[in-house]
PDB file of all heavy atoms in Angstrom:
ATOM      1  N   LEU A   1       0.849  -1.154  -0.035  1.00  0.00           N
ATOM      2  CA  LEU A   1      -0.036   0.003   0.059  1.00  0.00           C
ATOM      3  C   LEU A   1       0.878   1.230  -0.016  1.00  0.00           C
ATOM      4  O   LEU A   1       1.745   1.374   0.936  1.00  0.00           O
ATOM      5  CB  LEU A   1      -0.872   0.022   1.313  1.00  0.00           C
ATOM      6  CG  LEU A   1      -1.815   1.231   1.426  1.00  0.00           C
ATOM      7  CD1 LEU A   1      -2.868   1.339   0.343  1.00  0.00           C
ATOM      8  CD2 LEU A   1      -2.409   1.348   2.786  1.00  0.00           C
ATOM      9  N   ILE A   2       0.702   2.102  -1.012  1.00  0.00           N
ATOM     10  CA  ILE A   2       1.371   3.393  -0.984  1.00  0.00           C
ATOM     11  C   ILE A   2       0.406   4.409  -0.511  1.00  0.00           C
ATOM     12  O   ILE A   2      -0.675   4.678  -1.048  1.00  0.00           O
ATOM     13  CB  ILE A   2       1.817   3.794  -2.436  1.00  0.00           C
ATOM     14  CG1 ILE A   2       2.788   2.700  -2.997  1.00  0.00           C
ATOM     15  CG2 ILE A   2       2.467   5.068  -2.499  1.00  0.00           C
ATOM     16  CD1 ILE A   2       3.113   2.858  -4.460  1.00  0.00           C
ATOM     17  N   ALA A   3       0.785   5.039   0.707  1.00  0.00           N
ATOM     18  CA  ALA A   3      -0.085   6.019   1.321  1.00  0.00           C
ATOM     19  C   ALA A   3       0.588   7.342   1.159  1.00  0.00           C
ATOM     20  O   ALA A   3       1.551   7.695   1.863  1.00  0.00           O
ATOM     21  CB  ALA A   3      -0.260   5.697   2.801  1.00  0.00           C
ATOM     22  N   ASP A   4       0.075   8.152   0.349  1.00  0.00           N
ATOM     23  CA  ASP A   4       0.685   9.540  -0.017  1.00  0.00           C
ATOM     24  C   ASP A   4      -0.014  10.653   0.798  1.00  0.00           C
ATOM     25  O   ASP A   4      -1.216  11.054   0.541  1.00  0.00           O
ATOM     26  CB  ASP A   4       0.534   9.896  -1.497  1.00  0.00           C
ATOM     27  CG  ASP A   4       1.265  11.149  -1.903  1.00  0.00           C
ATOM     28  OD1 ASP A   4       1.913  11.784  -0.993  1.00  0.00           O
ATOM     29  OD2 ASP A   4       1.298  11.431  -3.020  1.00  0.00           O
ATOM     30  N   GLU A   5       0.644  11.033   1.933  1.00  0.00           N
ATOM     31  CA  GLU A   5       0.069  12.037   2.771  1.00  0.00           C
ATOM     32  C   GLU A   5      -1.307  11.585   3.204  1.00  0.00           C
ATOM     33  O   GLU A   5      -2.253  12.380   3.062  1.00  0.00           O
ATOM     34  CB  GLU A   5       0.053  13.473   2.226  1.00  0.00           C
ATOM     35  CG  GLU A   5       1.437  13.955   1.682  1.00  0.00           C
ATOM     36  CD  GLU A   5       2.238  14.575   2.839  1.00  0.00           C
ATOM     37  OE1 GLU A   5       1.808  14.442   4.002  1.00  0.00           O
ATOM     38  OE2 GLU A   5       3.316  15.049   2.521  1.00  0.00           O
ATOM     39  N   PRO A   6      -1.545  10.451   3.853  1.00  0.00           N
ATOM     40  CA  PRO A   6      -2.915   9.993   4.092  1.00  0.00           C
ATOM     41  C   PRO A   6      -3.629  10.768   5.181  1.00  0.00           C
ATOM     42  O   PRO A   6      -4.880  10.657   5.370  1.00  0.00           O
ATOM     43  CB  PRO A   6      -2.677   8.547   4.645  1.00  0.00           C
ATOM     44  CG  PRO A   6      -1.304   8.614   5.147  1.00  0.00           C
ATOM     45  CD  PRO A   6      -0.448   9.541   4.367  1.00  0.00           C
ATOM     46  N   THR A   7      -2.902  11.686   5.911  1.00  0.00           N
ATOM     47  CA  THR A   7      -3.618  12.470   6.976  1.00  0.00           C
ATOM     48  C   THR A   7      -3.670  13.927   6.740  1.00  0.00           C
ATOM     49  O   THR A   7      -3.996  14.723   7.534  1.00  0.00           O
ATOM     50  CB  THR A   7      -2.900  12.208   8.346  1.00  0.00           C
ATOM     51  OG1 THR A   7      -1.522  12.573   8.280  1.00  0.00           O
ATOM     52  CG2 THR A   7      -2.949  10.757   8.793  1.00  0.00           C
ATOM     53  N   THR A   8      -3.245  14.299   5.527  1.00  0.00           N
ATOM     54  CA  THR A   8      -3.309  15.762   5.086  1.00  0.00           C
ATOM     55  C   THR A   8      -4.712  16.398   5.178  1.00  0.00           C
ATOM     56  O   THR A   8      -5.733  15.664   4.788  1.00  0.00           O
ATOM     57  CB  THR A   8      -2.803  15.972   3.649  1.00  0.00           C
ATOM     58  OG1 THR A   8      -1.370  15.604   3.676  1.00  0.00           O
ATOM     59  CG2 THR A   8      -2.960  17.460   3.228  1.00  0.00           C
ATOM     60  N   ALA A   9      -4.823  17.511   5.745  1.00  0.00           N
ATOM     61  CA  ALA A   9      -6.080  18.231   5.880  1.00  0.00           C
ATOM     62  C   ALA A   9      -7.136  17.658   6.847  1.00  0.00           C
ATOM     63  O   ALA A   9      -8.265  18.066   6.907  1.00  0.00           O
ATOM     64  CB  ALA A   9      -6.757  18.322   4.484  1.00  0.00           C
ATOM     65  N   LEU A  10      -6.626  16.727   7.719  1.00  0.00           N
ATOM     66  CA  LEU A  10      -7.507  16.153   8.694  1.00  0.00           C
ATOM     67  C   LEU A  10      -7.025  16.639  10.118  1.00  0.00           C
ATOM     68  O   LEU A  10      -5.838  16.962  10.221  1.00  0.00           O
ATOM     69  CB  LEU A  10      -7.400  14.515   8.701  1.00  0.00           C
ATOM     70  CG  LEU A  10      -7.699  13.803   7.433  1.00  0.00           C
ATOM     71  CD1 LEU A  10      -7.483  12.324   7.601  1.00  0.00           C
ATOM     72  CD2 LEU A  10      -9.157  14.168   7.075  1.00  0.00           C
ATOM     73  N   ASP A  11      -7.927  16.820  10.970  1.00  0.00           N
ATOM     74  CA  ASP A  11      -7.541  17.317  12.264  1.00  0.00           C
ATOM     75  C   ASP A  11      -6.777  16.296  13.040  1.00  0.00           C
ATOM     76  O   ASP A  11      -6.708  15.055  12.678  1.00  0.00           O
ATOM     77  CB  ASP A  11      -8.720  17.767  13.134  1.00  0.00           C
ATOM     78  CG  ASP A  11      -9.760  16.785  13.443  1.00  0.00           C
ATOM     79  OD1 ASP A  11      -9.299  15.617  13.968  1.00  0.00           O
ATOM     80  OD2 ASP A  11     -10.971  16.882  13.156  1.00  0.00           O
ATOM     81  N   VAL A  12      -6.114  16.663  14.128  1.00  0.00           N
ATOM     82  CA  VAL A  12      -5.153  15.769  14.766  1.00  0.00           C
ATOM     83  C   VAL A  12      -5.863  14.519  15.346  1.00  0.00           C
ATOM     84  O   VAL A  12      -5.199  13.443  15.167  1.00  0.00           O
ATOM     85  CB  VAL A  12      -4.533  16.500  15.975  1.00  0.00           C
ATOM     86  CG1 VAL A  12      -3.608  15.688  16.738  1.00  0.00           C
ATOM     87  CG2 VAL A  12      -3.711  17.745  15.469  1.00  0.00           C
ATOM     88  N   THR A  13      -7.012  14.601  15.813  1.00  0.00           N
ATOM     89  CA  THR A  13      -7.693  13.376  16.384  1.00  0.00           C
ATOM     90  C   THR A  13      -7.927  12.405  15.180  1.00  0.00           C
ATOM     91  O   THR A  13      -7.712  11.147  15.392  1.00  0.00           O
ATOM     92  CB  THR A  13      -8.996  13.815  17.019  1.00  0.00           C
ATOM     93  OG1 THR A  13      -8.817  14.689  18.105  1.00  0.00           O
ATOM     94  CG2 THR A  13      -9.733  12.536  17.582  1.00  0.00           C
ATOM     95  N   ILE A  14      -8.490  12.901  14.081  1.00  0.00           N
ATOM     96  CA  ILE A  14      -8.764  12.045  12.873  1.00  0.00           C
ATOM     97  C   ILE A  14      -7.403  11.451  12.405  1.00  0.00           C
ATOM     98  O   ILE A  14      -7.337  10.324  11.906  1.00  0.00           O
ATOM     99  CB  ILE A  14      -9.542  12.761  11.935  1.00  0.00           C
ATOM    100  CG1 ILE A  14     -10.815  13.337  12.448  1.00  0.00           C
ATOM    101  CG2 ILE A  14      -9.829  11.858  10.667  1.00  0.00           C
ATOM    102  CD1 ILE A  14     -11.750  12.210  13.033  1.00  0.00           C
ATOM    103  N   GLN A  15      -6.375  12.297  12.340  1.00  0.00           N
ATOM    104  CA  GLN A  15      -5.050  11.764  11.858  1.00  0.00           C
ATOM    105  C   GLN A  15      -4.657  10.531  12.604  1.00  0.00           C
ATOM    106  O   GLN A  15      -4.199   9.544  12.076  1.00  0.00           O
ATOM    107  CB  GLN A  15      -4.046  12.908  12.059  1.00  0.00           C
ATOM    108  CG  GLN A  15      -4.006  14.034  11.010  1.00  0.00           C
ATOM    109  CD  GLN A  15      -2.965  15.028  11.211  1.00  0.00           C
ATOM    110  OE1 GLN A  15      -1.909  14.657  11.751  1.00  0.00           O
ATOM    111  NE2 GLN A  15      -3.194  16.260  10.723  1.00  0.00           N
ATOM    112  N   ALA A  16      -4.743  10.652  13.979  1.00  0.00           N
ATOM    113  CA  ALA A  16      -4.329   9.526  14.832  1.00  0.00           C
ATOM    114  C   ALA A  16      -5.184   8.332  14.564  1.00  0.00           C
ATOM    115  O   ALA A  16      -4.710   7.167  14.501  1.00  0.00           O
ATOM    116  CB  ALA A  16      -4.444   9.928  16.310  1.00  0.00           C
ATOM    117  N   GLN A  17      -6.446   8.505  14.282  1.00  0.00           N
ATOM    118  CA  GLN A  17      -7.423   7.422  14.040  1.00  0.00           C
ATOM    119  C   GLN A  17      -7.015   6.705  12.701  1.00  0.00           C
ATOM    120  O   GLN A  17      -7.023   5.468  12.583  1.00  0.00           O
ATOM    121  CB  GLN A  17      -8.823   7.800  14.018  1.00  0.00           C
ATOM    122  CG  GLN A  17      -9.364   8.303  15.339  1.00  0.00           C
ATOM    123  CD  GLN A  17     -10.765   8.849  15.333  1.00  0.00           C
ATOM    124  OE1 GLN A  17     -11.340   8.884  14.159  1.00  0.00           O
ATOM    125  NE2 GLN A  17     -11.291   9.258  16.341  1.00  0.00           N
ATOM    126  N   ILE A  18      -6.645   7.464  11.738  1.00  0.00           N
ATOM    127  CA  ILE A  18      -6.378   6.943  10.337  1.00  0.00           C
ATOM    128  C   ILE A  18      -5.091   6.158  10.463  1.00  0.00           C
ATOM    129  O   ILE A  18      -4.896   5.088   9.897  1.00  0.00           O
ATOM    130  CB  ILE A  18      -6.122   8.049   9.382  1.00  0.00           C
ATOM    131  CG1 ILE A  18      -7.491   8.715   9.041  1.00  0.00           C
ATOM    132  CG2 ILE A  18      -5.621   7.590   8.073  1.00  0.00           C
ATOM    133  CD1 ILE A  18      -8.592   7.769   8.447  1.00  0.00           C
ATOM    134  N   MET A  19      -4.002   6.667  11.195  1.00  0.00           N
ATOM    135  CA  MET A  19      -2.757   5.982  11.334  1.00  0.00           C
ATOM    136  C   MET A  19      -2.973   4.679  12.151  1.00  0.00           C
ATOM    137  O   MET A  19      -2.282   3.654  11.838  1.00  0.00           O
ATOM    138  CB  MET A  19      -1.680   6.840  11.943  1.00  0.00           C
ATOM    139  CG  MET A  19      -1.276   8.015  11.168  1.00  0.00           C
ATOM    140  SD  MET A  19      -0.913   7.646   9.490  1.00  0.00           S
ATOM    141  CE  MET A  19       0.397   6.437   9.604  1.00  0.00           C
ATOM    142  N   GLU A  20      -3.749   4.687  13.166  1.00  0.00           N
ATOM    143  CA  GLU A  20      -4.066   3.527  13.909  1.00  0.00           C
ATOM    144  C   GLU A  20      -4.750   2.446  13.062  1.00  0.00           C
ATOM    145  O   GLU A  20      -4.548   1.218  13.136  1.00  0.00           O
ATOM    146  CB  GLU A  20      -4.970   3.825  15.198  1.00  0.00           C
ATOM    147  CG  GLU A  20      -4.246   4.615  16.253  1.00  0.00           C
ATOM    148  CD  GLU A  20      -5.081   5.051  17.389  1.00  0.00           C
ATOM    149  OE1 GLU A  20      -6.284   4.666  17.300  1.00  0.00           O
ATOM    150  OE2 GLU A  20      -4.634   5.771  18.263  1.00  0.00           O
ATOM    151  N   LEU A  21      -5.702   3.001  12.228  1.00  0.00           N
ATOM    152  CA  LEU A  21      -6.377   2.100  11.272  1.00  0.00           C
ATOM    153  C   LEU A  21      -5.405   1.422  10.261  1.00  0.00           C
ATOM    154  O   LEU A  21      -5.445   0.207  10.104  1.00  0.00           O
ATOM    155  CB  LEU A  21      -7.436   2.860  10.510  1.00  0.00           C
ATOM    156  CG  LEU A  21      -8.077   2.170   9.298  1.00  0.00           C
ATOM    157  CD1 LEU A  21      -8.955   0.964   9.799  1.00  0.00           C
ATOM    158  CD2 LEU A  21      -9.004   3.072   8.519  1.00  0.00           C
ATOM    159  N   LEU A  22      -4.488   2.210   9.711  1.00  0.00           N
ATOM    160  CA  LEU A  22      -3.454   1.633   8.824  1.00  0.00           C
ATOM    161  C   LEU A  22      -2.610   0.588   9.510  1.00  0.00           C
ATOM    162  O   LEU A  22      -2.340  -0.476   8.937  1.00  0.00           O
ATOM    163  CB  LEU A  22      -2.667   2.691   8.251  1.00  0.00           C
ATOM    164  CG  LEU A  22      -3.313   3.565   7.192  1.00  0.00           C
ATOM    165  CD1 LEU A  22      -2.385   4.733   6.729  1.00  0.00           C
ATOM    166  CD2 LEU A  22      -3.710   2.879   5.919  1.00  0.00           C
ATOM    167  N   ALA A  23      -2.188   0.815  10.754  1.00  0.00           N
ATOM    168  CA  ALA A  23      -1.384  -0.121  11.454  1.00  0.00           C
ATOM    169  C   ALA A  23      -2.172  -1.447  11.826  1.00  0.00           C
ATOM    170  O   ALA A  23      -1.689  -2.526  11.619  1.00  0.00           O
ATOM    171  CB  ALA A  23      -0.977   0.506  12.797  1.00  0.00           C
ATOM    172  N   ARG A  24      -3.473  -1.328  12.083  1.00  0.00           N
ATOM    173  CA  ARG A  24      -4.276  -2.499  12.351  1.00  0.00           C
ATOM    174  C   ARG A  24      -4.464  -3.303  11.060  1.00  0.00           C
ATOM    175  O   ARG A  24      -4.371  -4.596  11.040  1.00  0.00           O
ATOM    176  CB  ARG A  24      -5.607  -2.083  12.910  1.00  0.00           C
ATOM    177  CG  ARG A  24      -6.541  -3.269  13.240  1.00  0.00           C
ATOM    178  CD  ARG A  24      -7.789  -2.785  13.927  1.00  0.00           C
ATOM    179  NE  ARG A  24      -8.586  -1.824  13.275  1.00  0.00           N
ATOM    180  CZ  ARG A  24      -9.463  -1.998  12.286  1.00  0.00           C
ATOM    181  NH1 ARG A  24      -9.695  -3.376  11.872  1.00  0.00           N
ATOM    182  NH2 ARG A  24     -10.101  -1.158  11.708  1.00  0.00           N
ATOM    183  N   LEU A  25      -4.761  -2.580   9.945  1.00  0.00           N
ATOM    184  CA  LEU A  25      -4.962  -3.263   8.756  1.00  0.00           C
ATOM    185  C   LEU A  25      -3.710  -3.924   8.153  1.00  0.00           C
ATOM    186  O   LEU A  25      -3.771  -4.920   7.569  1.00  0.00           O
ATOM    187  CB  LEU A  25      -5.626  -2.294   7.704  1.00  0.00           C
ATOM    188  CG  LEU A  25      -6.996  -1.788   8.025  1.00  0.00           C
ATOM    189  CD1 LEU A  25      -7.414  -0.679   7.007  1.00  0.00           C
ATOM    190  CD2 LEU A  25      -7.998  -2.900   8.073  1.00  0.00           C
ATOM    191  N   GLN A  26      -2.561  -3.236   8.427  1.00  0.00           N
ATOM    192  CA  GLN A  26      -1.320  -3.860   7.967  1.00  0.00           C
ATOM    193  C   GLN A  26      -1.053  -5.165   8.695  1.00  0.00           C
ATOM    194  O   GLN A  26      -0.596  -6.138   8.020  1.00  0.00           O
ATOM    195  CB  GLN A  26      -0.189  -2.823   8.283  1.00  0.00           C
ATOM    196  CG  GLN A  26       1.237  -3.378   7.915  1.00  0.00           C
ATOM    197  CD  GLN A  26       2.306  -2.458   8.206  1.00  0.00           C
ATOM    198  OE1 GLN A  26       2.247  -1.671   9.161  1.00  0.00           O
ATOM    199  NE2 GLN A  26       3.384  -2.479   7.381  1.00  0.00           N
ATOM    200  N   GLU A  27      -1.321  -5.188   9.987  1.00  0.00           N
ATOM    201  CA  GLU A  27      -1.108  -6.492  10.664  1.00  0.00           C
ATOM    202  C   GLU A  27      -2.100  -7.514  10.310  1.00  0.00           C
ATOM    203  O   GLU A  27      -1.788  -8.690  10.123  1.00  0.00           O
ATOM    204  CB  GLU A  27      -1.299  -6.188  12.203  1.00  0.00           C
ATOM    205  CG  GLU A  27      -1.054  -7.413  13.065  1.00  0.00           C
ATOM    206  CD  GLU A  27      -1.108  -7.084  14.546  1.00  0.00           C
ATOM    207  OE1 GLU A  27      -1.258  -5.853  14.865  1.00  0.00           O
ATOM    208  OE2 GLU A  27      -1.042  -8.022  15.320  1.00  0.00           O
ATOM    209  N   GLU A  28      -3.413  -7.096   9.937  1.00  0.00           N
ATOM    210  CA  GLU A  28      -4.356  -8.066   9.540  1.00  0.00           C
ATOM    211  C   GLU A  28      -4.078  -8.607   8.173  1.00  0.00           C
ATOM    212  O   GLU A  28      -4.298  -9.810   7.895  1.00  0.00           O
ATOM    213  CB  GLU A  28      -5.816  -7.372   9.563  1.00  0.00           C
ATOM    214  CG  GLU A  28      -6.916  -8.315   9.385  1.00  0.00           C
ATOM    215  CD  GLU A  28      -8.184  -7.718   9.737  1.00  0.00           C
ATOM    216  OE1 GLU A  28      -8.278  -6.881  10.621  1.00  0.00           O
ATOM    217  OE2 GLU A  28      -9.260  -8.123   9.270  1.00  0.00           O
ATOM    218  N   PHE A  29      -3.662  -7.735   7.258  1.00  0.00           N
ATOM    219  CA  PHE A  29      -3.473  -8.114   5.810  1.00  0.00           C
ATOM    220  C   PHE A  29      -2.005  -8.537   5.461  1.00  0.00           C
ATOM    221  O   PHE A  29      -1.758  -9.080   4.455  1.00  0.00           O
ATOM    222  CB  PHE A  29      -3.785  -7.013   4.859  1.00  0.00           C
ATOM    223  CG  PHE A  29      -5.331  -6.797   4.666  1.00  0.00           C
ATOM    224  CD1 PHE A  29      -6.052  -5.967   5.610  1.00  0.00           C
ATOM    225  CD2 PHE A  29      -5.977  -7.389   3.695  1.00  0.00           C
ATOM    226  CE1 PHE A  29      -7.358  -5.829   5.471  1.00  0.00           C
ATOM    227  CE2 PHE A  29      -7.362  -7.181   3.508  1.00  0.00           C
ATOM    228  CZ  PHE A  29      -8.082  -6.441   4.476  1.00  0.00           C
ATOM    229  N   GLU A  30      -1.103  -8.339   6.504  1.00  0.00           N
ATOM    230  CA  GLU A  30       0.301  -8.668   6.383  1.00  0.00           C
ATOM    231  C   GLU A  30       0.893  -7.938   5.114  1.00  0.00           C
ATOM    232  O   GLU A  30       1.656  -8.533   4.323  1.00  0.00           O
ATOM    233  CB  GLU A  30       0.561 -10.164   6.337  1.00  0.00           C
ATOM    234  CG  GLU A  30       0.156 -10.846   7.619  1.00  0.00           C
ATOM    235  CD  GLU A  30       0.492 -12.313   7.532  1.00  0.00           C
ATOM    236  OE1 GLU A  30       0.539 -12.866   6.397  1.00  0.00           O
ATOM    237  OE2 GLU A  30       0.588 -12.992   8.590  1.00  0.00           O
ATOM    238  N   MET A  31       0.500  -6.629   4.915  1.00  0.00           N
ATOM    239  CA  MET A  31       0.987  -5.929   3.779  1.00  0.00           C
ATOM    240  C   MET A  31       2.101  -4.974   4.180  1.00  0.00           C
ATOM    241  O   MET A  31       2.336  -4.626   5.369  1.00  0.00           O
ATOM    242  CB  MET A  31      -0.170  -5.154   3.172  1.00  0.00           C
ATOM    243  CG  MET A  31      -0.715  -4.140   4.058  1.00  0.00           C
ATOM    244  SD  MET A  31      -2.110  -3.199   3.229  1.00  0.00           S
ATOM    245  CE  MET A  31      -2.515  -2.086   4.630  1.00  0.00           C
ATOM    246  N   ALA A  32       2.926  -4.553   3.159  1.00  0.00           N
ATOM    247  CA  ALA A  32       3.907  -3.561   3.315  1.00  0.00           C
ATOM    248  C   ALA A  32       3.329  -2.141   3.045  1.00  0.00           C
ATOM    249  O   ALA A  32       2.254  -2.044   2.240  1.00  0.00           O
ATOM    250  CB  ALA A  32       5.122  -3.819   2.406  1.00  0.00           C
ATOM    251  N   ILE A  33       3.832  -1.118   3.643  1.00  0.00           N
ATOM    252  CA  ILE A  33       3.297   0.260   3.392  1.00  0.00           C
ATOM    253  C   ILE A  33       4.514   1.150   3.062  1.00  0.00           C
ATOM    254  O   ILE A  33       5.550   1.147   3.771  1.00  0.00           O
ATOM    255  CB  ILE A  33       2.656   0.745   4.618  1.00  0.00           C
ATOM    256  CG1 ILE A  33       1.338  -0.073   4.976  1.00  0.00           C
ATOM    257  CG2 ILE A  33       2.250   2.179   4.408  1.00  0.00           C
ATOM    258  CD1 ILE A  33       0.599   0.413   6.187  1.00  0.00           C
ATOM    259  N   LEU A  34       4.375   1.934   1.986  1.00  0.00           N
ATOM    260  CA  LEU A  34       5.225   3.084   1.715  1.00  0.00           C
ATOM    261  C   LEU A  34       4.497   4.303   2.245  1.00  0.00           C
ATOM    262  O   LEU A  34       3.525   4.687   1.537  1.00  0.00           O
ATOM    263  CB  LEU A  34       5.572   3.139   0.265  1.00  0.00           C
ATOM    264  CG  LEU A  34       6.405   4.431  -0.226  1.00  0.00           C
ATOM    265  CD1 LEU A  34       7.704   4.386   0.567  1.00  0.00           C
ATOM    266  CD2 LEU A  34       6.603   4.371  -1.746  1.00  0.00           C
TER     267      LEU A  34
END
């Protein structure tokens, strides 16, 4: 998964949620992330 500025224009709380989501999905799907 290539994530290009995935939290741009989001407030700090939502940014944290998006990054936590990506971490959880990475573990679940065993995928690499750029």
